[in-house]
C-alpha cells in the first residue's frame, strides 16, 4: 500500500503533504489529551509489533500479496490520535531506512494509512464496541481501514493521470477486499488474544501488563527473525495496480536508504540480512514511539 516517489503527480503529492501536516498535528493534540501514563510504554510495544507485522506479506490471490496495515488495531488499543502518531513514525522510518514508500509521497501515505485508515478503522469499532456486535465492529474496522486506504490511493492515482478502467478498478478492489478481510481477521485475533490474558482491558484501556506486552514483543520478534523466511515476494495490491495501469515505471529513488528492501547489505546470508534489518527497525521504532509518548506526557504535565 506504500506509494513510492514518482507515481503521483506533483500537484497531488504536494497537496497531500500540505494537508497531512495539520492532520497529524490534530492527532498529536488529541493524543496529548487522552494519553495515560501507563500507555507510554505501550506506544513503543505496539509500534514495534505493527512494524514487524507490516513486513509479513501474505498471498491474497490473483498474483498479489497483502500485509497488515495496523491502523484499526492501533486505533482500538491506543485511540486514533496515538494510532496516527505511531503509523506516521513507522511510515517515516520505512521511507528513510528501508526505501518502502517515497519521501515526497510521505504525505499521501500518511493520509491514506495513518489518518484515513485509522479513522475508518476506529469508527465502526466505536459505534459497536458497547453492544453485542463488538467482535463484528472490530472486524469491520479492520476491513474498512484497508478499503478506505485503498480507495484514497486509487483516487490519487486517477488524479495523477493514470488510466483506470472500470475493469482494472474492479479487479484491484477485489484484491483489496481480500486483504481487508485478512486485516479484519488478524485484528480480531490479536485483540481477543490480549483480552484473554487481560479481561476487559480493551473496554477500559490502561497500561498493558508486562506479560501481555512481552507476548506482543515476542510475536514481533518471531515475525522478524523467523517470519522473514515466509514473506511473499508477490507485489502487493497497489504495486500490482500501478503495473497494470503503466505507471510503475515512473518510480524513482531520491534517497539511497541504508537498509533498502529490508536487508542489511553488509551481511552475507539472505536470512541474516533480512532479520537484522527488521530487528533494527523494531528497536528504532520502539525508541521513537516511547520518546514521543514521554514528550507528550511532559508537555501535558507542564
C-alpha atoms as a PDB file:
ATOM      1  CA  UNK A   1       0.000   0.000   0.000  1.00  0.00           C
ATOM      2  CA  UNK A   2       3.065   2.257   0.264  1.00  0.00           C
ATOM      3  CA  UNK A   3       3.252   4.693  -2.659  1.00  0.00           C
ATOM      4  CA  UNK A   4       6.798   5.279  -3.958  1.00  0.00           C
ATOM      5  CA  UNK A   5       8.075   8.566  -5.357  1.00  0.00           C
ATOM      6  CA  UNK A   6       7.297   9.336  -8.990  1.00  0.00           C
ATOM      7  CA  UNK A   7       3.906   7.601  -9.115  1.00  0.00           C
ATOM      8  CA  UNK A   8       1.789  10.591  -8.118  1.00  0.00           C
ATOM      9  CA  UNK A   9       1.832  13.912  -9.930  1.00  0.00           C
ATOM     10  CA  UNK A  10       3.460  16.909  -8.261  1.00  0.00           C
ATOM     11  CA  UNK A  11       0.170  18.734  -7.518  1.00  0.00           C
ATOM     12  CA  UNK A  12      -1.274  15.590  -5.898  1.00  0.00           C
ATOM     13  CA  UNK A  13       1.623  14.697  -3.612  1.00  0.00           C
ATOM     14  CA  UNK A  14       2.319  18.364  -2.756  1.00  0.00           C
ATOM     15  CA  UNK A  15      -1.323  18.929  -1.778  1.00  0.00           C
ATOM     16  CA  UNK A  16      -1.403  15.773   0.326  1.00  0.00           C
ATOM     17  CA  UNK A  17       1.800  16.778   2.106  1.00  0.00           C
ATOM     18  CA  UNK A  18       0.223  20.141   2.932  1.00  0.00           C
ATOM     19  CA  UNK A  19      -2.999  18.514   4.177  1.00  0.00           C
ATOM     20  CA  UNK A  20      -1.304  15.744   6.153  1.00  0.00           C
ATOM     21  CA  UNK A  21       0.748  18.104   8.342  1.00  0.00           C
ATOM     22  CA  UNK A  22      -2.209  19.742  10.156  1.00  0.00           C
ATOM     23  CA  UNK A  23      -3.964  16.355  10.271  1.00  0.00           C
ATOM     24  CA  UNK A  24      -1.030  14.852  12.134  1.00  0.00           C
ATOM     25  CA  UNK A  25      -0.880  17.968  14.314  1.00  0.00           C
ATOM     26  CA  UNK A  26      -4.502  17.427  15.366  1.00  0.00           C
ATOM     27  CA  UNK A  27      -3.693  13.793  16.136  1.00  0.00           C
ATOM     28  CA  UNK A  28      -0.817  14.884  18.369  1.00  0.00           C
ATOM     29  CA  UNK A  29      -3.140  17.252  20.183  1.00  0.00           C
ATOM     30  CA  UNK A  30      -5.757  14.528  20.683  1.00  0.00           C
ATOM     31  CA  UNK A  31      -3.144  12.027  21.851  1.00  0.00           C
ATOM     32  CA  UNK A  32      -1.763  14.522  24.364  1.00  0.00           C
ATOM     33  CA  UNK A  33      -5.234  14.961  25.862  1.00  0.00           C
ATOM     34  CA  UNK A  34      -6.072  11.243  26.063  1.00  0.00           C
ATOM     35  CA  UNK A  35      -2.727   9.542  26.655  1.00  0.00           C
ATOM     36  CA  UNK A  36      -2.443   7.941  30.084  1.00  0.00           C
ATOM     37  CA  UNK A  37       0.849   7.384  31.909  1.00  0.00           C
ATOM     38  CA  UNK A  38       0.524   3.625  31.564  1.00  0.00           C
ATOM     39  CA  UNK A  39       0.102   3.957  27.801  1.00  0.00           C
ATOM     40  CA  UNK A  40       3.563   5.393  27.178  1.00  0.00           C
ATOM     41  CA  UNK A  41       5.458   2.052  27.126  1.00  0.00           C
ATOM     42  CA  UNK A  42       2.591   0.556  25.098  1.00  0.00           C
ATOM     43  CA  UNK A  43       3.231   3.115  22.345  1.00  0.00           C
ATOM     44  CA  UNK A  44       6.637   1.552  21.806  1.00  0.00           C
ATOM     45  CA  UNK A  45       5.375  -2.032  22.065  1.00  0.00           C
ATOM     46  CA  UNK A  46       2.525  -1.502  19.603  1.00  0.00           C
ATOM     47  CA  UNK A  47       4.792   0.420  17.240  1.00  0.00           C
ATOM     48  CA  UNK A  48       7.301  -2.438  17.174  1.00  0.00           C
ATOM     49  CA  UNK A  49       4.533  -5.031  16.735  1.00  0.00           C
ATOM     50  CA  UNK A  50       2.843  -3.251  13.816  1.00  0.00           C
ATOM     51  CA  UNK A  51       6.194  -2.541  12.157  1.00  0.00           C
ATOM     52  CA  UNK A  52       7.051  -6.244  12.290  1.00  0.00           C
ATOM     53  CA  UNK A  53       3.574  -7.283  11.120  1.00  0.00           C
ATOM     54  CA  UNK A  54       3.659  -4.910   8.142  1.00  0.00           C
ATOM     55  CA  UNK A  55       6.670  -6.795   6.769  1.00  0.00           C
ATOM     56  CA  UNK A  56       4.748 -10.078   6.646  1.00  0.00           C
ATOM     57  CA  UNK A  57       3.351 -10.079   3.121  1.00  0.00           C
ATOM     58  CA  UNK A  58       0.943 -12.984   2.547  1.00  0.00           C
ATOM     59  CA  UNK A  59      -0.560 -14.165  -0.777  1.00  0.00           C
ATOM     60  CA  UNK A  60      -4.121 -12.976  -1.379  1.00  0.00           C
ATOM     61  CA  UNK A  61      -4.620 -14.491  -4.830  1.00  0.00           C
ATOM     62  CA  UNK A  62      -4.593 -13.036  -8.347  1.00  0.00           C
ATOM     63  CA  UNK A  63      -0.779 -12.936  -8.266  1.00  0.00           C
ATOM     64  CA  UNK A  64      -0.690 -10.373  -5.455  1.00  0.00           C
ATOM     65  CA  UNK A  65       0.099 -10.204  -1.755  1.00  0.00           C
ATOM     66  CA  UNK A  66      -1.113  -8.167   1.196  1.00  0.00           C
ATOM     67  CA  UNK A  67       0.053  -7.227   4.654  1.00  0.00           C
ATOM     68  CA  UNK A  68      -1.361  -5.833   7.862  1.00  0.00           C
ATOM     69  CA  UNK A  69      -1.750  -2.056   7.833  1.00  0.00           C
ATOM     70  CA  UNK A  70      -2.437  -1.906  11.563  1.00  0.00           C
ATOM     71  CA  UNK A  71      -4.435   1.317  11.640  1.00  0.00           C
ATOM     72  CA  UNK A  72      -7.549  -0.276  13.110  1.00  0.00           C
ATOM     73  CA  UNK A  73      -5.567  -2.351  15.600  1.00  0.00           C
ATOM     74  CA  UNK A  74      -3.702   0.713  16.843  1.00  0.00           C
ATOM     75  CA  UNK A  75      -6.834   2.869  16.993  1.00  0.00           C
ATOM     76  CA  UNK A  76      -8.710   0.279  19.072  1.00  0.00           C
ATOM     77  CA  UNK A  77      -5.875  -0.199  21.547  1.00  0.00           C
ATOM     78  CA  UNK A  78      -4.362   3.288  21.738  1.00  0.00           C
ATOM     79  CA  UNK A  79      -7.042   5.632  20.397  1.00  0.00           C
ATOM     80  CA  UNK A  80      -6.997   7.278  16.952  1.00  0.00           C
ATOM     81  CA  UNK A  81      -4.666  10.117  17.932  1.00  0.00           C
ATOM     82  CA  UNK A  82      -1.912   7.850  19.205  1.00  0.00           C
ATOM     83  CA  UNK A  83      -2.535   5.452  16.304  1.00  0.00           C
ATOM     84  CA  UNK A  84      -1.869   8.234  13.796  1.00  0.00           C
ATOM     85  CA  UNK A  85       1.361   9.157  15.577  1.00  0.00           C
ATOM     86  CA  UNK A  86       2.613   5.563  15.646  1.00  0.00           C
ATOM     87  CA  UNK A  87       1.789   4.868  11.995  1.00  0.00           C
ATOM     88  CA  UNK A  88       3.306   8.182  10.889  1.00  0.00           C
ATOM     89  CA  UNK A  89       6.513   7.324  12.733  1.00  0.00           C
ATOM     90  CA  UNK A  90       6.554   3.896  11.060  1.00  0.00           C
ATOM     91  CA  UNK A  91       5.994   5.418   7.614  1.00  0.00           C
ATOM     92  CA  UNK A  92       8.815   7.935   8.103  1.00  0.00           C
ATOM     93  CA  UNK A  93      11.167   5.189   9.270  1.00  0.00           C
ATOM     94  CA  UNK A  94      10.194   2.905   6.394  1.00  0.00           C
ATOM     95  CA  UNK A  95      10.852   5.585   3.787  1.00  0.00           C
ATOM     96  CA  UNK A  96      14.150   6.783   5.268  1.00  0.00           C
ATOM     97  CA  UNK A  97      15.687   3.494   6.356  1.00  0.00           C
ATOM     98  CA  UNK A  98      14.082   0.819   4.169  1.00  0.00           C
ATOM     99  CA  UNK A  99      13.053   2.646   0.963  1.00  0.00           C
ATOM    100  CA  UNK A 100       9.477   1.476   1.462  1.00  0.00           C
ATOM    101  CA  UNK A 101       7.299   4.371   0.361  1.00  0.00           C
ATOM    102  CA  UNK A 102       8.574   7.633  -1.076  1.00  0.00           C
ATOM    103  CA  UNK A 103       9.796  10.710   0.755  1.00  0.00           C
ATOM    104  CA  UNK A 104       7.863  13.091  -1.482  1.00  0.00           C
ATOM    105  CA  UNK A 105       4.847  10.766  -1.242  1.00  0.00           C
ATOM    106  CA  UNK A 106       5.068  10.626   2.547  1.00  0.00           C
ATOM    107  CA  UNK A 107       2.072  12.920   2.924  1.00  0.00           C
ATOM    108  CA  UNK A 108      -0.014  10.676   0.661  1.00  0.00           C
ATOM    109  CA  UNK A 109       0.957   7.543   2.585  1.00  0.00           C
ATOM    110  CA  UNK A 110       0.282   9.270   5.899  1.00  0.00           C
ATOM    111  CA  UNK A 111      -3.129  10.471   4.721  1.00  0.00           C
ATOM    112  CA  UNK A 112      -4.078   7.058   3.340  1.00  0.00           C
ATOM    113  CA  UNK A 113      -2.911   4.836   6.178  1.00  0.00           C
ATOM    114  CA  UNK A 114      -2.239   6.955   9.275  1.00  0.00           C
ATOM    115  CA  UNK A 115      -5.251   9.280   9.023  1.00  0.00           C
ATOM    116  CA  UNK A 116      -7.959   7.917   6.702  1.00  0.00           C
ATOM    117  CA  UNK A 117      -7.199   4.273   7.510  1.00  0.00           C
ATOM    118  CA  UNK A 118      -7.052   4.904  11.250  1.00  0.00           C
ATOM    119  CA  UNK A 119     -10.376   6.749  11.426  1.00  0.00           C
ATOM    120  CA  UNK A 120     -12.107   4.318   9.076  1.00  0.00           C
ATOM    121  CA  UNK A 121     -10.988   1.546  11.413  1.00  0.00           C
ATOM    122  CA  UNK A 122     -11.913   3.408  14.585  1.00  0.00           C
ATOM    123  CA  UNK A 123     -15.474   4.475  13.761  1.00  0.00           C
ATOM    124  CA  UNK A 124     -17.109   1.016  13.294  1.00  0.00           C
ATOM    125  CA  UNK A 125     -15.487  -0.187  16.492  1.00  0.00           C
ATOM    126  CA  UNK A 126     -16.549   2.951  18.332  1.00  0.00           C
ATOM    127  CA  UNK A 127     -20.167   2.507  17.237  1.00  0.00           C
ATOM    128  CA  UNK A 128     -20.391  -1.208  18.050  1.00  0.00           C
ATOM    129  CA  UNK A 129     -17.962  -1.651  20.951  1.00  0.00           C
ATOM    130  CA  UNK A 130     -20.588  -1.468  23.705  1.00  0.00           C
ATOM    131  CA  UNK A 131     -23.168  -3.805  22.209  1.00  0.00           C
ATOM    132  CA  UNK A 132     -23.497  -7.470  21.261  1.00  0.00           C
ATOM    133  CA  UNK A 133     -21.822  -6.824  17.895  1.00  0.00           C
ATOM    134  CA  UNK A 134     -18.465  -5.814  19.365  1.00  0.00           C
ATOM    135  CA  UNK A 135     -16.489  -8.508  17.536  1.00  0.00           C
ATOM    136  CA  UNK A 136     -18.241  -7.546  14.310  1.00  0.00           C
ATOM    137  CA  UNK A 137     -17.202  -3.949  14.957  1.00  0.00           C
ATOM    138  CA  UNK A 138     -13.578  -4.988  15.366  1.00  0.00           C
ATOM    139  CA  UNK A 139     -13.680  -6.989  12.134  1.00  0.00           C
ATOM    140  CA  UNK A 140     -15.473  -4.194  10.265  1.00  0.00           C
ATOM    141  CA  UNK A 141     -12.886  -1.712  11.498  1.00  0.00           C
ATOM    142  CA  UNK A 142     -10.031  -3.794  10.123  1.00  0.00           C
ATOM    143  CA  UNK A 143     -11.821  -4.337   6.812  1.00  0.00           C
ATOM    144  CA  UNK A 144     -12.854  -0.719   6.309  1.00  0.00           C
ATOM    145  CA  UNK A 145      -9.417   0.625   7.242  1.00  0.00           C
ATOM    146  CA  UNK A 146      -7.933  -1.226   4.257  1.00  0.00           C
ATOM    147  CA  UNK A 147     -10.762  -0.386   1.864  1.00  0.00           C
ATOM    148  CA  UNK A 148     -10.682   3.314   2.769  1.00  0.00           C
ATOM    149  CA  UNK A 149      -6.889   3.487   2.408  1.00  0.00           C
ATOM    150  CA  UNK A 150      -7.076   1.671  -0.933  1.00  0.00           C
ATOM    151  CA  UNK A 151      -9.887   3.916  -2.196  1.00  0.00           C
ATOM    152  CA  UNK A 152      -7.838   7.003  -1.348  1.00  0.00           C
ATOM    153  CA  UNK A 153      -4.818   5.589  -3.202  1.00  0.00           C
ATOM    154  CA  UNK A 154      -6.944   4.811  -6.274  1.00  0.00           C
ATOM    155  CA  UNK A 155      -8.357   8.341  -6.313  1.00  0.00           C
ATOM    156  CA  UNK A 156      -4.841   9.767  -6.025  1.00  0.00           C
ATOM    157  CA  UNK A 157      -3.706   7.651  -8.962  1.00  0.00           C
ATOM    158  CA  UNK A 158      -6.646   8.861 -11.039  1.00  0.00           C
ATOM    159  CA  UNK A 159      -5.955  12.496 -10.151  1.00  0.00           C
ATOM    160  CA  UNK A 160      -2.334  11.901 -11.202  1.00  0.00           C
ATOM    161  CA  UNK A 161      -3.482  10.957 -14.697  1.00  0.00           C
ATOM    162  CA  UNK A 162      -3.474   7.147 -14.509  1.00  0.00           C
ATOM    163  CA  UNK A 163      -5.885   5.462 -16.935  1.00  0.00           C
ATOM    164  CA  UNK A 164      -8.091   3.469 -14.583  1.00  0.00           C
ATOM    165  CA  UNK A 165     -10.703   1.477 -16.462  1.00  0.00           C
ATOM    166  CA  UNK A 166     -13.703   0.008 -14.589  1.00  0.00           C
ATOM    167  CA  UNK A 167     -12.287  -3.487 -15.127  1.00  0.00           C
ATOM    168  CA  UNK A 168      -8.934  -2.555 -13.568  1.00  0.00           C
ATOM    169  CA  UNK A 169     -10.564  -0.785 -10.639  1.00  0.00           C
ATOM    170  CA  UNK A 170     -12.905  -3.728 -10.089  1.00  0.00           C
ATOM    171  CA  UNK A 171     -10.091  -6.283 -10.154  1.00  0.00           C
ATOM    172  CA  UNK A 172      -7.941  -4.233  -7.799  1.00  0.00           C
ATOM    173  CA  UNK A 173     -10.896  -3.668  -5.471  1.00  0.00           C
ATOM    174  CA  UNK A 174     -11.337  -7.422  -5.178  1.00  0.00           C
ATOM    175  CA  UNK A 175      -7.689  -7.783  -4.159  1.00  0.00           C
ATOM    176  CA  UNK A 176      -8.089  -5.017  -1.578  1.00  0.00           C
ATOM    177  CA  UNK A 177     -11.291  -6.653  -0.317  1.00  0.00           C
ATOM    178  CA  UNK A 178      -9.457  -9.931   0.338  1.00  0.00           C
ATOM    179  CA  UNK A 179      -6.652  -8.016   2.043  1.00  0.00           C
ATOM    180  CA  UNK A 180      -9.227  -6.164   4.147  1.00  0.00           C
ATOM    181  CA  UNK A 181     -10.871  -9.405   5.231  1.00  0.00           C
ATOM    182  CA  UNK A 182      -7.463 -10.687   6.340  1.00  0.00           C
ATOM    183  CA  UNK A 183      -6.850  -7.414   8.189  1.00  0.00           C
ATOM    184  CA  UNK A 184     -10.169  -7.794   9.996  1.00  0.00           C
ATOM    185  CA  UNK A 185      -9.465 -11.388  10.987  1.00  0.00           C
ATOM    186  CA  UNK A 186      -5.960 -10.576  12.221  1.00  0.00           C
ATOM    187  CA  UNK A 187      -7.235  -7.591  14.201  1.00  0.00           C
ATOM    188  CA  UNK A 188      -9.923  -9.706  15.871  1.00  0.00           C
ATOM    189  CA  UNK A 189      -7.423 -12.493  16.644  1.00  0.00           C
ATOM    190  CA  UNK A 190      -4.829 -10.171  18.207  1.00  0.00           C
ATOM    191  CA  UNK A 191      -7.327  -8.291  20.356  1.00  0.00           C
ATOM    192  CA  UNK A 192      -9.061 -11.463  21.521  1.00  0.00           C
ATOM    193  CA  UNK A 193      -5.697 -12.963  22.470  1.00  0.00           C
ATOM    194  CA  UNK A 194      -4.815  -9.876  24.530  1.00  0.00           C
ATOM    195  CA  UNK A 195      -8.201  -9.819  26.216  1.00  0.00           C
ATOM    196  CA  UNK A 196      -7.999 -13.490  27.162  1.00  0.00           C
ATOM    197  CA  UNK A 197      -4.993 -12.580  29.281  1.00  0.00           C
ATOM    198  CA  UNK A 198      -6.488  -9.257  30.436  1.00  0.00           C
ATOM    199  CA  UNK A 199     -10.308  -9.488  30.530  1.00  0.00           C
ATOM    200  CA  UNK A 200     -11.992  -6.150  29.932  1.00  0.00           C
ATOM    201  CA  UNK A 201      -8.757  -4.398  29.016  1.00  0.00           C
ATOM    202  CA  UNK A 202      -9.981  -3.197  25.648  1.00  0.00           C
ATOM    203  CA  UNK A 203     -13.167  -1.768  27.161  1.00  0.00           C
ATOM    204  CA  UNK A 204     -11.153   0.251  29.675  1.00  0.00           C
ATOM    205  CA  UNK A 205      -7.688   0.701  28.104  1.00  0.00           C
ATOM    206  CA  UNK A 206      -4.858   1.139  30.536  1.00  0.00           C
ATOM    207  CA  UNK A 207      -1.256   0.117  30.820  1.00  0.00           C
ATOM    208  CA  UNK A 208      -0.870  -3.388  29.426  1.00  0.00           C
ATOM    209  CA  UNK A 209       0.526  -5.875  31.979  1.00  0.00           C
ATOM    210  CA  UNK A 210       4.112  -6.908  31.365  1.00  0.00           C
ATOM    211  CA  UNK A 211       3.118 -10.478  30.471  1.00  0.00           C
ATOM    212  CA  UNK A 212       0.861  -9.365  27.621  1.00  0.00           C
ATOM    213  CA  UNK A 213       3.302  -6.708  26.451  1.00  0.00           C
ATOM    214  CA  UNK A 214       6.027  -9.342  26.499  1.00  0.00           C
ATOM    215  CA  UNK A 215       3.918 -11.661  24.336  1.00  0.00           C
ATOM    216  CA  UNK A 216       3.408  -8.911  21.763  1.00  0.00           C
ATOM    217  CA  UNK A 217       7.145  -8.258  21.704  1.00  0.00           C
ATOM    218  CA  UNK A 218       7.846 -11.984  21.359  1.00  0.00           C
ATOM    219  CA  UNK A 219       5.362 -12.209  18.487  1.00  0.00           C
ATOM    220  CA  UNK A 220       7.084  -9.282  16.780  1.00  0.00           C
ATOM    221  CA  UNK A 221      10.494 -10.933  17.251  1.00  0.00           C
ATOM    222  CA  UNK A 222       9.166 -14.223  15.903  1.00  0.00           C
ATOM    223  CA  UNK A 223       7.839 -12.493  12.786  1.00  0.00           C
ATOM    224  CA  UNK A 224      11.098 -10.594  12.349  1.00  0.00           C
ATOM    225  CA  UNK A 225      13.503 -13.465  12.914  1.00  0.00           C
ATOM    226  CA  UNK A 226      11.562 -16.497  11.697  1.00  0.00           C
ATOM    227  CA  UNK A 227       8.792 -14.989   9.612  1.00  0.00           C
ATOM    228  CA  UNK A 228      11.170 -13.482   7.056  1.00  0.00           C
ATOM    229  CA  UNK A 229      11.536 -16.955   5.583  1.00  0.00           C
ATOM    230  CA  UNK A 230       7.846 -16.967   4.620  1.00  0.00           C
ATOM    231  CA  UNK A 231       7.323 -13.417   3.318  1.00  0.00           C
ATOM    232  CA  UNK A 232       5.622 -13.469  -0.073  1.00  0.00           C
ATOM    233  CA  UNK A 233       7.628 -11.966  -2.922  1.00  0.00           C
ATOM    234  CA  UNK A 234       4.450 -11.168  -4.885  1.00  0.00           C
ATOM    235  CA  UNK A 235       3.613  -7.480  -5.409  1.00  0.00           C
ATOM    236  CA  UNK A 236       1.029  -6.002  -3.084  1.00  0.00           C
ATOM    237  CA  UNK A 237      -2.291  -4.674  -4.318  1.00  0.00           C
ATOM    238  CA  UNK A 238      -1.071  -1.151  -5.026  1.00  0.00           C
ATOM    239  CA  UNK A 239       2.112  -2.317  -6.763  1.00  0.00           C
ATOM    240  CA  UNK A 240       0.065  -4.625  -8.981  1.00  0.00           C
ATOM    241  CA  UNK A 241      -2.370  -1.812  -9.766  1.00  0.00           C
ATOM    242  CA  UNK A 242       0.448   0.585 -10.664  1.00  0.00           C
ATOM    243  CA  UNK A 243       1.923  -2.019 -13.012  1.00  0.00           C
ATOM    244  CA  UNK A 244      -1.424  -2.715 -14.695  1.00  0.00           C
ATOM    245  CA  UNK A 245      -2.044   0.959 -15.493  1.00  0.00           C
ATOM    246  CA  UNK A 246       1.538   1.523 -16.655  1.00  0.00           C
ATOM    247  CA  UNK A 247       2.728   3.984 -14.014  1.00  0.00           C
ATOM    248  CA  UNK A 248       5.101   1.694 -12.106  1.00  0.00           C
ATOM    249  CA  UNK A 249       7.905   2.711 -14.471  1.00  0.00           C
ATOM    250  CA  UNK A 250       7.622   6.294 -13.178  1.00  0.00           C
ATOM    251  CA  UNK A 251       9.037   5.271  -9.803  1.00  0.00           C
ATOM    252  CA  UNK A 252      12.299   6.978  -8.964  1.00  0.00           C
ATOM    253  CA  UNK A 253      14.511   6.925  -5.899  1.00  0.00           C
ATOM    254  CA  UNK A 254      15.592  10.227  -4.377  1.00  0.00           C
ATOM    255  CA  UNK A 255      17.194   8.773  -1.251  1.00  0.00           C
ATOM    256  CA  UNK A 256      19.536   5.782  -1.009  1.00  0.00           C
ATOM    257  CA  UNK A 257      18.159   4.070   2.095  1.00  0.00           C
ATOM    258  CA  UNK A 258      20.774   2.088   4.077  1.00  0.00           C
ATOM    259  CA  UNK A 259      18.518  -0.959   4.527  1.00  0.00           C
ATOM    260  CA  UNK A 260      16.694  -0.887   1.201  1.00  0.00           C
ATOM    261  CA  UNK A 261      14.233  -3.750   0.704  1.00  0.00           C
ATOM    262  CA  UNK A 262      14.535  -4.526   4.432  1.00  0.00           C
ATOM    263  CA  UNK A 263      18.020  -6.003   4.080  1.00  0.00           C
ATOM    264  CA  UNK A 264      21.319  -5.278   5.855  1.00  0.00           C
ATOM    265  CA  UNK A 265      23.686  -5.227   2.841  1.00  0.00           C
ATOM    266  CA  UNK A 266      26.846  -5.925   4.836  1.00  0.00           C
ATOM    267  CA  UNK A 267      25.746  -9.464   5.793  1.00  0.00           C
ATOM    268  CA  UNK A 268      26.151 -12.494   3.529  1.00  0.00           C
ATOM    269  CA  UNK A 269      23.091 -14.678   4.119  1.00  0.00           C
ATOM    270  CA  UNK A 270      19.609 -13.699   2.976  1.00  0.00           C
ATOM    271  CA  UNK A 271      18.042 -14.645   6.322  1.00  0.00           C
ATOM    272  CA  UNK A 272      20.640 -12.681   8.287  1.00  0.00           C
ATOM    273  CA  UNK A 273      20.271  -9.585   6.127  1.00  0.00           C
ATOM    274  CA  UNK A 274      16.504  -9.502   6.474  1.00  0.00           C
ATOM    275  CA  UNK A 275      16.416 -10.399  10.170  1.00  0.00           C
ATOM    276  CA  UNK A 276      18.986  -7.798  11.214  1.00  0.00           C
ATOM    277  CA  UNK A 277      17.245  -5.078   9.223  1.00  0.00           C
ATOM    278  CA  UNK A 278      13.938  -5.981  10.844  1.00  0.00           C
ATOM    279  CA  UNK A 279      15.407  -6.032  14.340  1.00  0.00           C
ATOM    280  CA  UNK A 280      16.993  -2.632  13.763  1.00  0.00           C
ATOM    281  CA  UNK A 281      13.673  -1.240  12.600  1.00  0.00           C
ATOM    282  CA  UNK A 282      11.838  -2.675  15.600  1.00  0.00           C
ATOM    283  CA  UNK A 283      14.332  -1.185  18.045  1.00  0.00           C
ATOM    284  CA  UNK A 284      14.279   2.227  16.390  1.00  0.00           C
ATOM    285  CA  UNK A 285      10.500   2.496  16.140  1.00  0.00           C
ATOM    286  CA  UNK A 286      10.158   1.347  19.747  1.00  0.00           C
ATOM    287  CA  UNK A 287      12.556   4.095  20.835  1.00  0.00           C
ATOM    288  CA  UNK A 288      10.850   6.758  18.721  1.00  0.00           C
ATOM    289  CA  UNK A 289       7.338   5.944  19.958  1.00  0.00           C
ATOM    290  CA  UNK A 290       8.494   5.736  23.569  1.00  0.00           C
ATOM    291  CA  UNK A 291      10.260   9.093  23.295  1.00  0.00           C
ATOM    292  CA  UNK A 292       7.253  10.754  21.673  1.00  0.00           C
ATOM    293  CA  UNK A 293       4.972   9.383  24.401  1.00  0.00           C
ATOM    294  CA  UNK A 294       7.205  10.737  27.145  1.00  0.00           C
ATOM    295  CA  UNK A 295       7.397  14.136  25.467  1.00  0.00           C
ATOM    296  CA  UNK A 296       3.623  14.322  25.198  1.00  0.00           C
ATOM    297  CA  UNK A 297       3.210  13.426  28.850  1.00  0.00           C
ATOM    298  CA  UNK A 298       5.807  16.021  29.851  1.00  0.00           C
ATOM    299  CA  UNK A 299       4.091  18.730  27.800  1.00  0.00           C
ATOM    300  CA  UNK A 300       0.714  17.879  29.296  1.00  0.00           C
ATOM    301  CA  UNK A 301       2.139  17.984  32.812  1.00  0.00           C
ATOM    302  CA  UNK A 302       3.751  21.349  32.119  1.00  0.00           C
END
